[in-house]
Amino acid sequence: MYISQEVKKDIFKNYGQSETDTGSAESQIALFTHRIKHLTGHLKKNKKDKGTQRALINLVGKRRRLLDYLKDNEINRYREIIKKLNLRK
């Protein structure tokens, strides 16, 4: 896969509580954001890759659902992750 173990650990360390914190909403949102940026760059070069386009749409939906969950339950964590990742809304 295009994401190495070191990159994942770095993402989890920066946005989660520790390197092994893979389940928190913040760490998952950060990982999805990294993958979305990678797939967006791929689609700019390969416009007709419909499989990747569908995967990108699914990832954006997953990230949106996690952000909505945080927004509904813990607004401070939501605001913090939005600020860290420079996401709008």
N, C-alpha and C. Protein backbone atom coordinates (compact mmCIF):
# COMPACT_ATOMS: atom_id res chain seq x y z
N MET A 1 0.83 -1.18 0.00
CA MET A 1 0.00 0.00 0.00
C MET A 1 0.88 1.24 0.00
N TYR A 2 0.33 2.36 -0.38
CA TYR A 2 1.11 3.58 -0.53
C TYR A 2 1.41 4.27 0.80
N ILE A 3 0.82 3.82 1.89
CA ILE A 3 1.09 4.40 3.20
C ILE A 3 1.94 3.41 3.99
N SER A 4 3.17 3.82 4.33
CA SER A 4 4.05 2.93 5.07
C SER A 4 3.68 2.94 6.55
N GLN A 5 4.22 2.00 7.27
CA GLN A 5 3.95 1.89 8.70
C GLN A 5 4.47 3.12 9.45
N GLU A 6 5.61 3.66 9.01
CA GLU A 6 6.17 4.82 9.68
C GLU A 6 5.26 6.04 9.52
N VAL A 7 4.69 6.21 8.32
CA VAL A 7 3.79 7.34 8.08
C VAL A 7 2.53 7.20 8.94
N LYS A 8 2.00 5.98 9.02
CA LYS A 8 0.81 5.76 9.85
C LYS A 8 1.11 6.05 11.32
N LYS A 9 2.25 5.57 11.82
CA LYS A 9 2.60 5.83 13.22
C LYS A 9 2.75 7.32 13.48
N ASP A 10 3.33 8.03 12.51
CA ASP A 10 3.50 9.46 12.65
C ASP A 10 2.15 10.18 12.70
N ILE A 11 1.22 9.76 11.84
CA ILE A 11 -0.13 10.34 11.84
C ILE A 11 -0.82 10.07 13.17
N PHE A 12 -0.75 8.82 13.64
CA PHE A 12 -1.41 8.46 14.89
C PHE A 12 -0.78 9.19 16.08
N LYS A 13 0.54 9.38 16.05
CA LYS A 13 1.22 10.07 17.14
C LYS A 13 0.84 11.56 17.17
N ASN A 14 0.72 12.17 15.99
CA ASN A 14 0.42 13.60 15.94
C ASN A 14 -1.04 13.92 16.25
N TYR A 15 -1.96 13.05 15.83
CA TYR A 15 -3.37 13.37 15.96
C TYR A 15 -4.11 12.53 16.99
N GLY A 16 -3.55 11.38 17.39
CA GLY A 16 -4.17 10.56 18.42
C GLY A 16 -3.47 10.76 19.74
N GLN A 17 -3.76 9.88 20.70
CA GLN A 17 -3.11 9.99 21.99
C GLN A 17 -1.71 9.36 22.00
N SER A 18 -1.49 8.34 21.14
CA SER A 18 -0.19 7.68 21.08
C SER A 18 -0.01 7.07 19.69
N GLU A 19 1.14 6.41 19.48
CA GLU A 19 1.40 5.77 18.19
C GLU A 19 0.47 4.60 17.94
N THR A 20 -0.01 3.97 19.00
CA THR A 20 -0.87 2.80 18.84
C THR A 20 -2.35 3.14 18.92
N ASP A 21 -2.67 4.42 18.99
CA ASP A 21 -4.07 4.86 19.08
C ASP A 21 -4.65 4.92 17.67
N THR A 22 -5.16 3.80 17.19
CA THR A 22 -5.70 3.74 15.84
C THR A 22 -7.21 3.86 15.81
N GLY A 23 -7.85 3.85 16.95
CA GLY A 23 -9.30 3.81 16.97
C GLY A 23 -9.99 5.12 17.25
N SER A 24 -9.26 6.13 17.72
CA SER A 24 -9.92 7.39 18.03
C SER A 24 -10.37 8.08 16.75
N ALA A 25 -11.41 8.87 16.88
CA ALA A 25 -11.97 9.54 15.71
C ALA A 25 -10.95 10.50 15.09
N GLU A 26 -10.17 11.18 15.91
CA GLU A 26 -9.19 12.13 15.37
C GLU A 26 -8.13 11.44 14.53
N SER A 27 -7.62 10.31 14.99
CA SER A 27 -6.59 9.61 14.24
C SER A 27 -7.15 9.04 12.94
N GLN A 28 -8.38 8.55 12.97
CA GLN A 28 -8.99 8.03 11.75
C GLN A 28 -9.26 9.14 10.75
N ILE A 29 -9.72 10.28 11.22
CA ILE A 29 -9.96 11.42 10.34
C ILE A 29 -8.66 11.88 9.69
N ALA A 30 -7.58 11.92 10.47
CA ALA A 30 -6.28 12.33 9.93
C ALA A 30 -5.79 11.33 8.88
N LEU A 31 -5.98 10.04 9.13
CA LEU A 31 -5.56 9.03 8.17
C LEU A 31 -6.39 9.13 6.89
N PHE A 32 -7.70 9.32 7.03
CA PHE A 32 -8.56 9.48 5.85
C PHE A 32 -8.16 10.72 5.06
N THR A 33 -7.81 11.80 5.74
CA THR A 33 -7.40 13.03 5.06
C THR A 33 -6.12 12.80 4.26
N HIS A 34 -5.18 12.07 4.83
CA HIS A 34 -3.93 11.75 4.12
C HIS A 34 -4.24 10.93 2.85
N ARG A 35 -5.10 9.94 3.00
CA ARG A 35 -5.46 9.11 1.85
C ARG A 35 -6.23 9.90 0.79
N ILE A 36 -7.10 10.80 1.23
CA ILE A 36 -7.88 11.62 0.29
C ILE A 36 -6.94 12.51 -0.52
N LYS A 37 -5.96 13.10 0.12
CA LYS A 37 -5.00 13.95 -0.60
C LYS A 37 -4.23 13.14 -1.64
N HIS A 38 -3.84 11.92 -1.26
CA HIS A 38 -3.10 11.06 -2.19
C HIS A 38 -3.98 10.69 -3.39
N LEU A 39 -5.21 10.29 -3.14
CA LEU A 39 -6.11 9.89 -4.24
C LEU A 39 -6.49 11.08 -5.12
N THR A 40 -6.60 12.25 -4.55
CA THR A 40 -6.90 13.44 -5.34
C THR A 40 -5.78 13.73 -6.32
N GLY A 41 -4.54 13.61 -5.85
CA GLY A 41 -3.40 13.80 -6.74
C GLY A 41 -3.36 12.76 -7.85
N HIS A 42 -3.70 11.53 -7.53
CA HIS A 42 -3.74 10.46 -8.53
C HIS A 42 -4.81 10.75 -9.59
N LEU A 43 -5.97 11.22 -9.15
CA LEU A 43 -7.06 11.47 -10.09
C LEU A 43 -6.79 12.68 -10.97
N LYS A 44 -5.96 13.60 -10.54
CA LYS A 44 -5.60 14.73 -11.40
C LYS A 44 -4.80 14.26 -12.60
N LYS A 45 -4.00 13.21 -12.41
CA LYS A 45 -3.21 12.65 -13.51
C LYS A 45 -4.00 11.65 -14.34
N ASN A 46 -4.86 10.87 -13.68
CA ASN A 46 -5.60 9.79 -14.34
C ASN A 46 -7.10 10.07 -14.22
N LYS A 47 -7.60 10.89 -15.10
CA LYS A 47 -8.98 11.37 -14.99
C LYS A 47 -10.02 10.28 -15.22
N LYS A 48 -9.68 9.23 -15.94
CA LYS A 48 -10.67 8.21 -16.28
C LYS A 48 -10.65 7.00 -15.34
N ASP A 49 -9.93 7.11 -14.24
CA ASP A 49 -9.84 6.01 -13.28
C ASP A 49 -11.08 6.02 -12.38
N LYS A 50 -12.12 5.33 -12.81
CA LYS A 50 -13.40 5.38 -12.11
C LYS A 50 -13.37 4.62 -10.79
N GLY A 51 -12.57 3.58 -10.68
CA GLY A 51 -12.46 2.84 -9.43
C GLY A 51 -11.88 3.69 -8.32
N THR A 52 -10.84 4.44 -8.65
CA THR A 52 -10.23 5.34 -7.67
C THR A 52 -11.19 6.47 -7.32
N GLN A 53 -11.94 6.93 -8.30
CA GLN A 53 -12.90 8.00 -8.05
C GLN A 53 -13.97 7.54 -7.06
N ARG A 54 -14.44 6.33 -7.23
CA ARG A 54 -15.44 5.78 -6.31
C ARG A 54 -14.86 5.60 -4.91
N ALA A 55 -13.61 5.12 -4.82
CA ALA A 55 -12.96 4.97 -3.52
C ALA A 55 -12.79 6.32 -2.83
N LEU A 56 -12.47 7.34 -3.60
CA LEU A 56 -12.32 8.68 -3.03
C LEU A 56 -13.65 9.19 -2.47
N ILE A 57 -14.72 8.97 -3.20
CA ILE A 57 -16.04 9.41 -2.73
C ILE A 57 -16.41 8.68 -1.44
N ASN A 58 -16.11 7.39 -1.36
CA ASN A 58 -16.39 6.62 -0.14
C ASN A 58 -15.58 7.14 1.05
N LEU A 59 -14.30 7.46 0.82
CA LEU A 59 -13.45 7.97 1.90
C LEU A 59 -13.95 9.32 2.40
N VAL A 60 -14.36 10.18 1.48
CA VAL A 60 -14.87 11.48 1.88
C VAL A 60 -16.13 11.30 2.72
N GLY A 61 -16.98 10.35 2.36
CA GLY A 61 -18.18 10.07 3.13
C GLY A 61 -17.87 9.54 4.52
N LYS A 62 -16.89 8.65 4.62
CA LYS A 62 -16.50 8.13 5.93
C LYS A 62 -15.97 9.24 6.83
N ARG A 63 -15.12 10.10 6.25
CA ARG A 63 -14.57 11.20 7.03
C ARG A 63 -15.68 12.16 7.47
N ARG A 64 -16.63 12.41 6.58
CA ARG A 64 -17.73 13.31 6.91
C ARG A 64 -18.57 12.75 8.06
N ARG A 65 -18.83 11.43 8.04
CA ARG A 65 -19.61 10.82 9.12
C ARG A 65 -18.87 10.90 10.45
N LEU A 66 -17.55 10.68 10.44
CA LEU A 66 -16.78 10.79 11.69
C LEU A 66 -16.77 12.24 12.20
N LEU A 67 -16.65 13.20 11.28
CA LEU A 67 -16.68 14.59 11.70
C LEU A 67 -18.05 14.97 12.26
N ASP A 68 -19.11 14.46 11.65
CA ASP A 68 -20.46 14.73 12.17
C ASP A 68 -20.63 14.12 13.56
N TYR A 69 -20.08 12.92 13.77
CA TYR A 69 -20.14 12.28 15.08
C TYR A 69 -19.46 13.15 16.13
N LEU A 70 -18.26 13.63 15.82
CA LEU A 70 -17.55 14.47 16.77
C LEU A 70 -18.30 15.78 17.02
N LYS A 71 -18.86 16.34 15.96
CA LYS A 71 -19.58 17.60 16.08
C LYS A 71 -20.79 17.45 17.00
N ASP A 72 -21.49 16.32 16.89
CA ASP A 72 -22.68 16.10 17.70
C ASP A 72 -22.35 15.78 19.16
N ASN A 73 -21.26 15.03 19.39
CA ASN A 73 -20.98 14.54 20.73
C ASN A 73 -19.94 15.34 21.51
N GLU A 74 -18.87 15.76 20.83
CA GLU A 74 -17.80 16.49 21.53
C GLU A 74 -17.31 17.61 20.63
N ILE A 75 -17.93 18.77 20.77
CA ILE A 75 -17.68 19.90 19.88
C ILE A 75 -16.25 20.43 20.01
N ASN A 76 -15.65 20.35 21.19
CA ASN A 76 -14.28 20.85 21.36
C ASN A 76 -13.28 20.01 20.58
N ARG A 77 -13.44 18.69 20.62
CA ARG A 77 -12.56 17.81 19.84
C ARG A 77 -12.75 18.05 18.34
N TYR A 78 -13.99 18.31 17.93
CA TYR A 78 -14.29 18.60 16.53
C TYR A 78 -13.57 19.87 16.08
N ARG A 79 -13.67 20.93 16.86
CA ARG A 79 -13.02 22.20 16.51
C ARG A 79 -11.51 22.06 16.46
N GLU A 80 -10.97 21.26 17.37
CA GLU A 80 -9.52 21.06 17.42
C GLU A 80 -9.01 20.33 16.18
N ILE A 81 -9.70 19.26 15.76
CA ILE A 81 -9.25 18.49 14.60
C ILE A 81 -9.43 19.29 13.31
N ILE A 82 -10.48 20.09 13.23
CA ILE A 82 -10.69 20.94 12.06
C ILE A 82 -9.54 21.96 11.94
N LYS A 83 -9.15 22.51 13.07
CA LYS A 83 -8.07 23.49 13.06
C LYS A 83 -6.73 22.85 12.70
N LYS A 84 -6.45 21.67 13.26
CA LYS A 84 -5.18 20.99 12.99
C LYS A 84 -5.03 20.59 11.53
N LEU A 85 -6.13 20.08 10.94
CA LEU A 85 -6.06 19.57 9.56
C LEU A 85 -6.41 20.62 8.51
N ASN A 86 -6.76 21.83 8.94
CA ASN A 86 -7.15 22.90 8.03
C ASN A 86 -8.31 22.49 7.14
N LEU A 87 -9.31 21.86 7.74
CA LEU A 87 -10.52 21.48 7.01
C LEU A 87 -11.55 22.58 7.17
N ARG A 88 -12.36 22.75 6.18
CA ARG A 88 -13.42 23.75 6.28
C ARG A 88 -14.64 23.15 6.94
N LYS A 89 -15.54 24.01 7.34
CA LYS A 89 -16.82 23.69 7.94
C LYS A 89 -16.80 23.45 9.41
